[in-house]
């Protein structure tokens, strides 16, 4: 047993060295690319694109299930975007609340048989399509419940334009978010198949008529942790991954896709959470197997604001669902992609990284804790080494976070007050003292739910933007 514990200790040290090295590498790539992003924003005339006839037309798809509290502000924010030609397609996914009725009442929508589109993907039964000529770019689909992926497929069937954007119904886009993403798409329209925008936490912000009027940090603890966590993930991670075409996920809250490629890849996979990661994997797989040049890009200045869960119950439900979705995707595609050169970065870096350091992370954490108990019981504990090990781990984690906050301050400056930056730094440190460990437990519980064939969406409670 002593030999086993000693061997495990050596393995754990190498595991941590490798993962921290990878994190630092990705962060370095992100920092390297942030300067070109800043330069592009400074010299680009993307505002002039909002009046250009050459900007690609976009269909914005908004799946909605029990969203009566947020859907009106969401739709109003989308109808107010600075973009030449687009449409908003809201898909009521058999909501059990008043989502359908509040939309019908607010926009005076009536049933129509002439919405157009074509059924290229199978979906649950569509009960009706609603329209009002006073809002010529707004459509409402009412369908039987089939999940978010099914709703997106129904939206694709009705959509009239070559690009589609998926937006969560509890989220708000900044007025120039679409035009900024369109600029990235127009840099290389032949090869760009998907572009993700950044998702920021709206809790605490002042909102009026579906638009962010003043950016504030959240006042509650859990949304504050998520605010820092999202900045780390999007700025410190996704910029770097996208620079090597290794992005494995475009957030379901806000992403733009080429419709023809999504359809050729089979559309969104229904019946299970994690559809946002799944569609990106399918796009990579389709393009690589057909030997087509492509890229999955990330646009960090195209901003989507979303409501973050503010209770442990709701946050735990969300993170367990993410854990189930991640595990499902890794099991479904890992065996075909990992280690295979034809899948390039996805096969040789992204998938192995995701499986070893994301999917299996809870198991390494738990076995590490058990090993620590074993060291203590067998009098093998060398506390000085353990303390140094823990401090180095903390130092790496905080450094990665500081790198992300540095990019935020350098390029975007959304939080202008000194006290806001100090608050984010403090939460960056505190998140390693309980919050991160909760995330590991939730992910592990998500895996247990997966083994029990739980494929539900889980509990999500919305709060009106007006409160």
Protein backbone atom coordinates (compact mmCIF):
# COMPACT_ATOMS: atom_id res chain seq x y z
CA UNK A 1 0.00 0.00 0.00
CA UNK A 2 2.82 2.39 0.84
CA UNK A 3 4.38 1.78 -2.58
CA UNK A 4 1.02 2.37 -4.24
CA UNK A 5 0.47 5.64 -2.38
CA UNK A 6 4.00 6.76 -3.21
CA UNK A 7 3.44 5.99 -6.90
CA UNK A 8 0.11 7.82 -6.82
CA UNK A 9 1.83 10.86 -5.30
CA UNK A 10 4.36 10.95 -8.14
CA UNK A 11 1.53 10.59 -10.69
CA UNK A 12 -0.39 13.45 -9.03
CA UNK A 13 2.61 15.75 -9.24
CA UNK A 14 3.05 15.09 -12.97
CA UNK A 15 -0.71 15.43 -13.53
CA UNK A 16 -0.71 18.87 -11.95
CA UNK A 17 2.44 19.95 -13.82
CA UNK A 18 0.92 18.93 -17.16
CA UNK A 19 -2.47 20.56 -16.55
CA UNK A 20 -0.98 23.81 -15.27
CA UNK A 21 1.41 23.89 -18.23
CA UNK A 22 -1.51 23.45 -20.62
CA UNK A 23 -3.51 26.15 -18.87
CA UNK A 24 -0.57 28.55 -19.06
CA UNK A 25 -0.02 27.71 -22.73
CA UNK A 26 -3.64 28.43 -23.58
CA UNK A 27 -3.54 31.63 -21.53
CA UNK A 28 -0.36 32.69 -23.34
CA UNK A 29 -2.06 32.13 -26.69
CA UNK A 30 -5.04 34.17 -25.47
CA UNK A 31 -2.82 37.07 -24.37
CA UNK A 32 -0.89 36.92 -27.63
CA UNK A 33 -4.10 37.15 -29.66
CA UNK A 34 -5.75 39.82 -27.53
CA UNK A 35 -3.38 42.42 -28.99
CA UNK A 36 -4.46 41.65 -32.55
CA UNK A 37 -8.09 41.78 -31.37
CA UNK A 38 -7.50 45.24 -29.87
CA UNK A 39 -5.79 46.41 -33.06
CA UNK A 40 -8.62 45.05 -35.18
CA UNK A 41 -11.24 46.83 -33.04
CA UNK A 42 -9.36 50.14 -33.15
CA UNK A 43 -8.91 50.28 -36.90
CA UNK A 44 -11.98 48.40 -38.05
CA UNK A 45 -15.00 50.33 -39.26
CA UNK A 46 -17.41 47.67 -38.11
CA UNK A 47 -20.05 50.34 -37.25
CA UNK A 48 -20.33 51.21 -40.93
CA UNK A 49 -21.26 47.58 -41.62
CA UNK A 50 -24.59 48.11 -39.81
CA UNK A 51 -25.81 49.95 -42.92
CA UNK A 52 -24.14 47.76 -45.51
CA UNK A 53 -26.08 45.58 -47.92
CA UNK A 54 -23.16 43.14 -48.04
CA UNK A 55 -23.49 42.02 -44.43
CA UNK A 56 -24.83 38.43 -44.30
CA UNK A 57 -28.44 37.99 -43.23
CA UNK A 58 -28.99 36.21 -39.94
CA UNK A 59 -31.86 34.29 -38.38
CA UNK A 60 -31.77 34.58 -34.59
CA UNK A 61 -33.24 31.48 -32.93
CA UNK A 62 -34.57 31.82 -29.38
CA UNK A 63 -35.67 28.52 -27.75
CA UNK A 64 -38.04 29.29 -24.88
CA UNK A 65 -39.34 26.93 -22.22
CA UNK A 66 -41.12 28.51 -19.24
CA UNK A 67 -39.57 31.92 -19.91
CA UNK A 68 -42.58 34.16 -19.20
CA UNK A 69 -40.54 36.41 -16.88
CA UNK A 70 -37.72 37.26 -19.28
CA UNK A 71 -38.91 36.59 -22.81
CA UNK A 72 -40.41 40.03 -23.57
CA UNK A 73 -37.24 41.94 -22.64
CA UNK A 74 -35.20 39.36 -24.53
CA UNK A 75 -37.22 39.77 -27.74
CA UNK A 76 -37.31 43.56 -27.44
CA UNK A 77 -33.51 43.66 -27.07
CA UNK A 78 -33.16 41.50 -30.18
CA UNK A 79 -35.57 43.63 -32.21
CA UNK A 80 -33.45 46.71 -31.35
CA UNK A 81 -30.13 45.36 -32.67
CA UNK A 82 -28.01 47.43 -35.05
CA UNK A 83 -28.01 45.06 -38.00
CA UNK A 84 -29.14 45.55 -41.62
CA UNK A 85 -31.30 42.48 -42.17
CA UNK A 86 -32.18 39.79 -39.70
CA UNK A 87 -35.14 37.96 -38.22
CA UNK A 88 -35.99 36.75 -34.75
CA UNK A 89 -37.55 33.29 -34.48
CA UNK A 90 -38.85 32.48 -31.00
CA UNK A 91 -39.61 28.79 -30.43
CA UNK A 92 -42.02 28.07 -27.59
CA UNK A 93 -41.06 24.54 -26.58
CA UNK A 94 -44.37 23.46 -25.04
CA UNK A 95 -43.98 25.81 -22.08
CA UNK A 96 -46.20 25.10 -19.10
CA UNK A 97 -46.32 28.74 -18.03
CA UNK A 98 -47.61 31.80 -19.93
CA UNK A 99 -44.62 32.17 -22.32
CA UNK A 100 -46.79 31.72 -25.41
CA UNK A 101 -49.57 34.01 -24.21
CA UNK A 102 -47.34 36.90 -23.12
CA UNK A 103 -45.67 36.86 -26.53
CA UNK A 104 -49.01 36.79 -28.36
CA UNK A 105 -50.32 39.65 -26.24
CA UNK A 106 -47.20 41.83 -26.29
CA UNK A 107 -46.64 41.67 -30.05
CA UNK A 108 -50.25 41.03 -31.17
CA UNK A 109 -49.18 37.95 -33.10
CA UNK A 110 -51.72 35.91 -35.05
CA UNK A 111 -51.51 32.46 -36.58
CA UNK A 112 -50.17 32.27 -40.13
CA UNK A 113 -49.85 29.52 -42.72
CA UNK A 114 -47.41 31.47 -44.89
CA UNK A 115 -44.24 31.68 -42.81
CA UNK A 116 -42.08 29.95 -45.42
CA UNK A 117 -38.99 27.93 -44.58
CA UNK A 118 -38.44 24.27 -45.39
CA UNK A 119 -38.43 21.17 -43.20
CA UNK A 120 -34.85 19.96 -43.45
CA UNK A 121 -34.62 18.53 -39.91
CA UNK A 122 -37.00 16.29 -37.94
CA UNK A 123 -38.61 17.88 -34.87
CA UNK A 124 -41.49 17.46 -32.47
CA UNK A 125 -44.89 18.45 -33.78
CA UNK A 126 -45.25 22.16 -34.57
CA UNK A 127 -48.66 23.36 -33.41
CA UNK A 128 -48.56 26.71 -35.17
CA UNK A 129 -46.58 29.70 -36.38
CA UNK A 130 -47.53 33.27 -35.40
CA UNK A 131 -46.72 36.59 -37.07
CA UNK A 132 -47.63 40.27 -37.12
CA UNK A 133 -46.84 42.50 -40.09
CA UNK A 134 -46.11 45.35 -37.64
CA UNK A 135 -43.06 43.32 -36.55
CA UNK A 136 -41.97 41.99 -39.96
CA UNK A 137 -38.80 40.33 -38.65
CA UNK A 138 -40.43 38.46 -35.75
CA UNK A 139 -41.81 34.91 -35.91
CA UNK A 140 -43.14 32.71 -33.11
CA UNK A 141 -43.22 28.91 -33.40
CA UNK A 142 -45.41 27.01 -30.95
CA UNK A 143 -44.43 23.34 -30.73
CA UNK A 144 -44.74 20.34 -28.47
CA UNK A 145 -42.01 19.95 -25.88
CA UNK A 146 -38.88 18.33 -27.30
CA UNK A 147 -35.99 20.10 -25.60
CA UNK A 148 -33.65 22.92 -26.57
CA UNK A 149 -31.96 21.07 -29.43
CA UNK A 150 -35.33 20.14 -30.92
CA UNK A 151 -36.41 23.78 -30.69
CA UNK A 152 -33.27 24.96 -32.48
CA UNK A 153 -33.92 22.43 -35.25
CA UNK A 154 -37.50 23.72 -35.55
CA UNK A 155 -36.10 27.25 -35.80
CA UNK A 156 -33.70 26.17 -38.54
CA UNK A 157 -36.62 24.72 -40.50
CA UNK A 158 -38.44 28.04 -40.44
CA UNK A 159 -35.39 30.30 -40.84
CA UNK A 160 -34.97 32.21 -44.10
CA UNK A 161 -31.31 33.31 -43.93
CA UNK A 162 -27.92 31.61 -44.47
CA UNK A 163 -26.59 32.27 -40.96
CA UNK A 164 -28.33 31.25 -37.76
CA UNK A 165 -27.68 32.57 -34.27
CA UNK A 166 -28.72 30.73 -31.11
CA UNK A 167 -29.66 32.93 -28.16
CA UNK A 168 -30.91 31.87 -24.72
CA UNK A 169 -34.22 33.39 -23.69
CA UNK A 170 -32.76 34.64 -20.40
CA UNK A 171 -30.02 36.57 -22.18
CA UNK A 172 -29.65 40.03 -23.72
CA UNK A 173 -27.44 40.99 -26.66
CA UNK A 174 -25.63 44.32 -26.88
CA UNK A 175 -26.82 46.36 -29.84
CA UNK A 176 -23.62 45.85 -31.82
CA UNK A 177 -23.06 42.19 -30.90
CA UNK A 178 -24.28 40.79 -34.21
CA UNK A 179 -22.39 43.28 -36.35
CA UNK A 180 -19.15 42.52 -34.49
CA UNK A 181 -19.61 38.80 -35.13
CA UNK A 182 -20.52 39.49 -38.76
CA UNK A 183 -17.21 41.32 -39.14
CA UNK A 184 -15.33 38.22 -37.99
CA UNK A 185 -17.39 36.06 -40.35
CA UNK A 186 -16.75 38.38 -43.33
CA UNK A 187 -12.97 38.09 -42.80
CA UNK A 188 -13.20 34.51 -44.10
CA UNK A 189 -16.78 33.54 -45.02
CA UNK A 190 -15.76 30.47 -47.02
CA UNK A 191 -14.11 28.74 -44.07
CA UNK A 192 -15.96 30.11 -41.03
CA UNK A 193 -18.59 27.61 -39.84
CA UNK A 194 -19.23 28.91 -36.31
CA UNK A 195 -18.40 31.94 -34.16
CA UNK A 196 -18.95 32.24 -30.45
CA UNK A 197 -19.55 35.46 -28.56
CA UNK A 198 -18.62 36.20 -24.97
CA UNK A 199 -21.19 35.64 -22.22
CA UNK A 200 -21.12 38.04 -19.28
CA UNK A 201 -23.09 38.04 -16.04
CA UNK A 202 -25.94 40.56 -15.98
CA UNK A 203 -26.85 40.20 -12.28
CA UNK A 204 -26.40 43.60 -10.69
CA UNK A 205 -26.47 45.57 -13.96
CA UNK A 206 -29.03 48.29 -14.62
CA UNK A 207 -31.36 47.19 -17.43
CA UNK A 208 -33.93 49.24 -19.30
CA UNK A 209 -36.11 48.12 -22.22
CA UNK A 210 -34.06 44.97 -22.63
CA UNK A 211 -30.73 46.83 -22.84
CA UNK A 212 -27.85 47.09 -20.38
CA UNK A 213 -27.72 50.73 -19.28
CA UNK A 214 -25.05 50.48 -16.60
CA UNK A 215 -22.58 47.67 -15.96
CA UNK A 216 -22.25 46.66 -12.33
CA UNK A 217 -20.81 43.65 -10.60
CA UNK A 218 -23.28 41.21 -8.99
CA UNK A 219 -24.17 41.96 -5.39
CA UNK A 220 -24.72 38.30 -4.44
CA UNK A 221 -21.88 35.88 -3.78
CA UNK A 222 -22.70 33.07 -6.23
CA UNK A 223 -23.22 35.31 -9.30
CA UNK A 224 -20.00 37.14 -8.35
CA UNK A 225 -18.07 33.87 -8.41
CA UNK A 226 -19.58 33.09 -11.80
CA UNK A 227 -18.67 36.55 -13.10
CA UNK A 228 -14.98 35.85 -12.42
CA UNK A 229 -15.31 32.25 -13.59
CA UNK A 230 -16.81 33.29 -16.95
CA UNK A 231 -14.05 35.86 -17.55
CA UNK A 232 -11.44 33.16 -16.93
CA UNK A 233 -13.16 30.68 -19.25
CA UNK A 234 -13.93 33.04 -22.13
CA UNK A 235 -10.93 35.38 -22.12
CA UNK A 236 -8.26 33.11 -20.67
CA UNK A 237 -9.45 29.97 -22.45
CA UNK A 238 -11.54 30.37 -25.57
CA UNK A 239 -9.43 33.03 -27.25
CA UNK A 240 -6.45 30.68 -27.01
CA UNK A 241 -8.31 27.56 -28.10
CA UNK A 242 -9.84 29.34 -31.09
CA UNK A 243 -6.39 30.52 -32.21
CA UNK A 244 -5.41 26.87 -32.87
CA UNK A 245 -8.88 25.92 -34.16
CA UNK A 246 -9.38 23.71 -31.12
CA UNK A 247 -12.52 25.27 -29.68
CA UNK A 248 -14.82 22.46 -28.56
CA UNK A 249 -17.78 24.56 -27.47
CA UNK A 250 -19.61 27.71 -28.49
CA UNK A 251 -21.87 28.75 -25.65
CA UNK A 252 -25.51 27.96 -26.19
CA UNK A 253 -26.29 31.43 -24.85
CA UNK A 254 -24.84 33.12 -27.96
CA UNK A 255 -23.30 31.69 -31.10
CA UNK A 256 -23.58 32.17 -34.87
CA UNK A 257 -23.41 29.28 -37.35
CA UNK A 258 -23.50 28.65 -41.07
CA UNK A 259 -26.88 27.01 -41.58
CA UNK A 260 -25.94 24.85 -44.55
CA UNK A 261 -23.08 23.19 -42.63
CA UNK A 262 -25.21 22.67 -39.52
CA UNK A 263 -27.83 20.92 -41.64
CA UNK A 264 -25.22 18.77 -43.43
CA UNK A 265 -23.83 17.76 -40.03
CA UNK A 266 -27.31 16.55 -39.04
CA UNK A 267 -28.52 19.52 -37.01
CA UNK A 268 -28.67 19.65 -33.23
CA UNK A 269 -28.77 16.36 -31.32
CA UNK A 270 -31.99 16.07 -29.39
CA UNK A 271 -32.77 14.12 -26.26
CA UNK A 272 -29.79 15.13 -24.15
CA UNK A 273 -28.20 18.27 -22.62
CA UNK A 274 -24.85 19.51 -23.94
CA UNK A 275 -26.22 20.37 -27.38
CA UNK A 276 -23.91 23.42 -27.62
CA UNK A 277 -20.78 21.29 -27.31
CA UNK A 278 -22.29 18.54 -29.44
CA UNK A 279 -22.97 20.74 -32.45
CA UNK A 280 -19.40 22.09 -32.44
CA UNK A 281 -17.98 18.55 -32.28
CA UNK A 282 -20.23 17.56 -35.18
CA UNK A 283 -19.09 20.55 -37.23
CA UNK A 284 -15.41 19.75 -36.61
CA UNK A 285 -16.02 16.10 -37.46
CA UNK A 286 -17.97 16.84 -40.64
CA UNK A 287 -15.43 19.32 -41.99
CA UNK A 288 -12.39 17.16 -41.15
CA UNK A 289 -13.87 13.94 -42.52
CA UNK A 290 -14.71 15.71 -45.77
CA UNK A 291 -11.28 17.38 -45.83
CA UNK A 292 -12.77 20.86 -46.05
CA UNK A 293 -10.88 23.93 -44.80
CA UNK A 294 -12.70 25.55 -41.91
CA UNK A 295 -12.46 27.42 -38.65
CA UNK A 296 -14.51 27.78 -35.46
CA UNK A 297 -13.86 31.34 -34.30
CA UNK A 298 -14.41 33.33 -31.14
CA UNK A 299 -15.34 37.02 -30.99
CA UNK A 300 -14.71 38.35 -27.45
CA UNK A 301 -16.17 41.80 -28.08
CA UNK A 302 -19.57 40.47 -29.19
CA UNK A 303 -21.32 40.52 -25.83
CA UNK A 304 -24.28 38.56 -24.53
CA UNK A 305 -25.46 39.28 -20.98
CA UNK A 306 -27.12 36.45 -19.08
CA UNK A 307 -28.72 35.76 -15.74
CA UNK A 308 -26.50 33.68 -13.46
CA UNK A 309 -28.07 31.30 -10.92
CA UNK A 310 -28.02 32.89 -7.47
CA UNK A 311 -28.91 29.88 -5.32
CA UNK A 312 -26.98 26.67 -4.69
CA UNK A 313 -29.98 24.62 -5.81
CA UNK A 314 -30.22 26.22 -9.25
CA UNK A 315 -26.47 26.49 -9.77
CA UNK A 316 -26.00 22.84 -8.75
CA UNK A 317 -28.71 21.79 -11.21
CA UNK A 318 -27.00 23.73 -14.00
CA UNK A 319 -23.54 22.30 -13.25
CA UNK A 320 -24.81 18.71 -12.96
CA UNK A 321 -26.45 19.16 -16.37
CA UNK A 322 -23.17 20.46 -17.80
CA UNK A 323 -21.41 17.43 -16.30
CA UNK A 324 -23.89 15.04 -17.91
CA UNK A 325 -23.63 16.78 -21.26
CA UNK A 326 -19.83 16.74 -21.23
CA UNK A 327 -19.68 13.05 -20.30
CA UNK A 328 -22.23 12.12 -22.96
CA UNK A 329 -20.26 13.92 -25.68
CA UNK A 330 -16.91 12.45 -24.63
CA UNK A 331 -18.33 8.90 -24.56
CA UNK A 332 -20.14 9.38 -27.86
CA UNK A 333 -17.24 10.79 -29.85
CA UNK A 334 -14.05 10.15 -27.87
CA UNK A 335 -13.53 6.61 -29.15
CA UNK A 336 -13.63 7.84 -32.76
CA UNK A 337 -11.58 11.01 -32.40
CA UNK A 338 -8.94 10.69 -29.65
CA UNK A 339 -5.43 10.17 -30.98
CA UNK A 340 -6.43 10.06 -34.65
CA UNK A 341 -4.28 12.41 -36.79
CA UNK A 342 -7.07 12.97 -39.31
CA UNK A 343 -8.94 14.91 -36.60
CA UNK A 344 -5.90 17.19 -36.19
CA UNK A 345 -6.08 19.50 -33.15
CA UNK A 346 -9.39 17.98 -32.03
CA UNK A 347 -8.03 14.44 -32.03
CA UNK A 348 -4.55 15.14 -30.72
CA UNK A 349 -5.08 17.96 -28.22
CA UNK A 350 -8.64 19.12 -27.54
CA UNK A 351 -10.32 15.76 -26.91
CA UNK A 352 -7.48 14.23 -24.84
CA UNK A 353 -7.31 17.44 -22.80
CA UNK A 354 -11.06 17.49 -22.27
CA UNK A 355 -11.29 13.84 -21.24
CA UNK A 356 -8.27 13.80 -18.91
CA UNK A 357 -8.48 17.24 -17.36
CA UNK A 358 -12.18 18.08 -17.53
CA UNK A 359 -14.30 14.91 -17.65
CA UNK A 360 -12.10 12.81 -15.35
CA UNK A 361 -11.11 15.71 -13.13
CA UNK A 362 -13.58 14.83 -10.30
CA UNK A 363 -12.13 11.31 -10.06
CA UNK A 364 -8.56 12.60 -9.76
CA UNK A 365 -9.70 15.05 -7.11
CA UNK A 366 -11.50 12.39 -5.07
CA UNK A 367 -8.68 9.86 -5.34
CA UNK A 368 -6.27 12.62 -4.38
CA UNK A 369 -8.31 13.28 -1.26
CA UNK A 370 -8.37 9.56 -0.41
CA UNK A 371 -4.62 9.35 -0.98
CA UNK A 372 -4.15 12.24 1.43
CA UNK A 373 -6.12 10.31 4.06
CA UNK A 374 -3.92 7.29 3.34
CA UNK A 375 -0.73 9.31 3.79
CA UNK A 376 -2.02 10.56 7.13
CA UNK A 377 -3.13 7.15 8.42
CA UNK A 378 0.15 5.49 7.37
CA UNK A 379 2.25 8.29 8.74
CA UNK A 380 3.59 9.18 5.29
CA UNK A 381 2.55 12.79 5.46
CA UNK A 382 5.21 15.38 4.87
CA UNK A 383 3.27 18.52 5.69
CA UNK A 384 5.87 20.93 4.37
CA UNK A 385 5.71 19.31 0.95
CA UNK A 386 1.90 19.24 1.05
CA UNK A 387 1.69 22.91 1.99
CA UNK A 388 4.13 23.87 -0.77
CA UNK A 389 2.14 21.71 -3.22
CA UNK A 390 -1.16 23.38 -2.21
CA UNK A 391 0.31 26.88 -2.39
CA UNK A 392 1.76 26.26 -5.84
CA UNK A 393 -1.63 25.01 -7.00
CA UNK A 394 -3.29 28.12 -5.62
CA UNK A 395 -0.62 30.36 -7.14
CA UNK A 396 -1.10 28.84 -10.61
CA UNK A 397 -4.89 29.15 -10.37
CA UNK A 398 -4.75 32.77 -9.24
CA UNK A 399 -2.16 33.63 -11.92
CA UNK A 400 -4.43 32.22 -14.62
CA UNK A 401 -7.28 34.32 -13.27
CA UNK A 402 -5.14 37.44 -13.06
CA UNK A 403 -4.15 36.90 -16.69
CA UNK A 404 -7.84 36.90 -17.68
CA UNK A 405 -8.57 40.02 -15.61
CA UNK A 406 -5.55 41.68 -17.22
CA UNK A 407 -7.02 40.99 -20.67
CA UNK A 408 -10.40 42.32 -19.52
CA UNK A 409 -8.84 45.56 -18.30
CA UNK A 410 -6.55 45.87 -21.32
CA UNK A 411 -9.09 45.25 -24.07
CA UNK A 412 -12.64 45.71 -22.82
CA UNK A 413 -12.74 47.78 -19.59
CA UNK A 414 -16.33 46.90 -18.72
CA UNK A 415 -15.69 47.36 -15.02
CA UNK A 416 -14.18 50.83 -14.70
CA UNK A 417 -14.10 51.36 -10.94
CA UNK A 418 -10.99 50.44 -8.95
CA UNK A 419 -13.12 48.79 -6.27
CA UNK A 420 -14.69 46.53 -8.92
CA UNK A 421 -11.29 45.25 -9.97
CA UNK A 422 -10.25 44.73 -6.35
CA UNK A 423 -13.50 42.85 -5.73
CA UNK A 424 -12.88 40.58 -8.72
CA UNK A 425 -9.32 39.90 -7.51
CA UNK A 426 -10.65 38.97 -4.07
CA UNK A 427 -13.25 36.58 -5.49
CA UNK A 428 -10.59 35.14 -7.77
CA UNK A 429 -8.73 34.08 -4.65
CA UNK A 430 -11.78 32.99 -2.63
CA UNK A 431 -13.14 30.76 -5.39
CA UNK A 432 -10.43 28.24 -4.55
CA UNK A 433 -11.70 27.98 -0.99
CA UNK A 434 -14.93 26.08 -1.50
CA UNK A 435 -16.58 27.27 -4.73
CA UNK A 436 -14.29 25.31 -7.03
CA UNK A 437 -14.63 22.19 -4.86
CA UNK A 438 -18.43 22.48 -5.09
CA UNK A 439 -18.09 22.49 -8.86
CA UNK A 440 -16.15 19.23 -8.73
CA UNK A 441 -18.83 17.61 -6.55
CA UNK A 442 -21.62 18.80 -8.86
CA UNK A 443 -19.82 17.43 -11.90
CA UNK A 444 -19.39 14.08 -10.17
CA UNK A 445 -23.09 14.03 -9.22
CA UNK A 446 -23.87 14.82 -12.86
CA UNK A 447 -21.97 11.68 -13.86
CA UNK A 448 -24.04 9.65 -11.41
CA UNK A 449 -27.22 11.11 -12.92
CA UNK A 450 -25.91 10.16 -16.36
CA UNK A 451 -25.44 6.56 -15.21
CA UNK A 452 -29.06 6.64 -14.02
CA UNK A 453 -30.18 7.76 -17.49
CA UNK A 454 -31.24 11.18 -16.26
CA UNK A 455 -31.36 13.31 -19.40
CA UNK A 456 -33.63 16.05 -18.13
CA UNK A 457 -32.82 19.75 -18.31
CA UNK A 458 -33.05 20.13 -14.52
CA UNK A 459 -34.42 22.98 -12.44
CA UNK A 460 -33.98 26.53 -13.72
CA UNK A 461 -35.81 29.49 -12.20
CA UNK A 462 -35.82 32.85 -13.97
CA UNK A 463 -36.04 36.31 -12.47
CA UNK A 464 -37.70 39.16 -14.30
CA UNK A 465 -35.27 41.75 -15.70
CA UNK A 466 -37.60 44.40 -14.27
CA UNK A 467 -36.94 43.48 -10.61
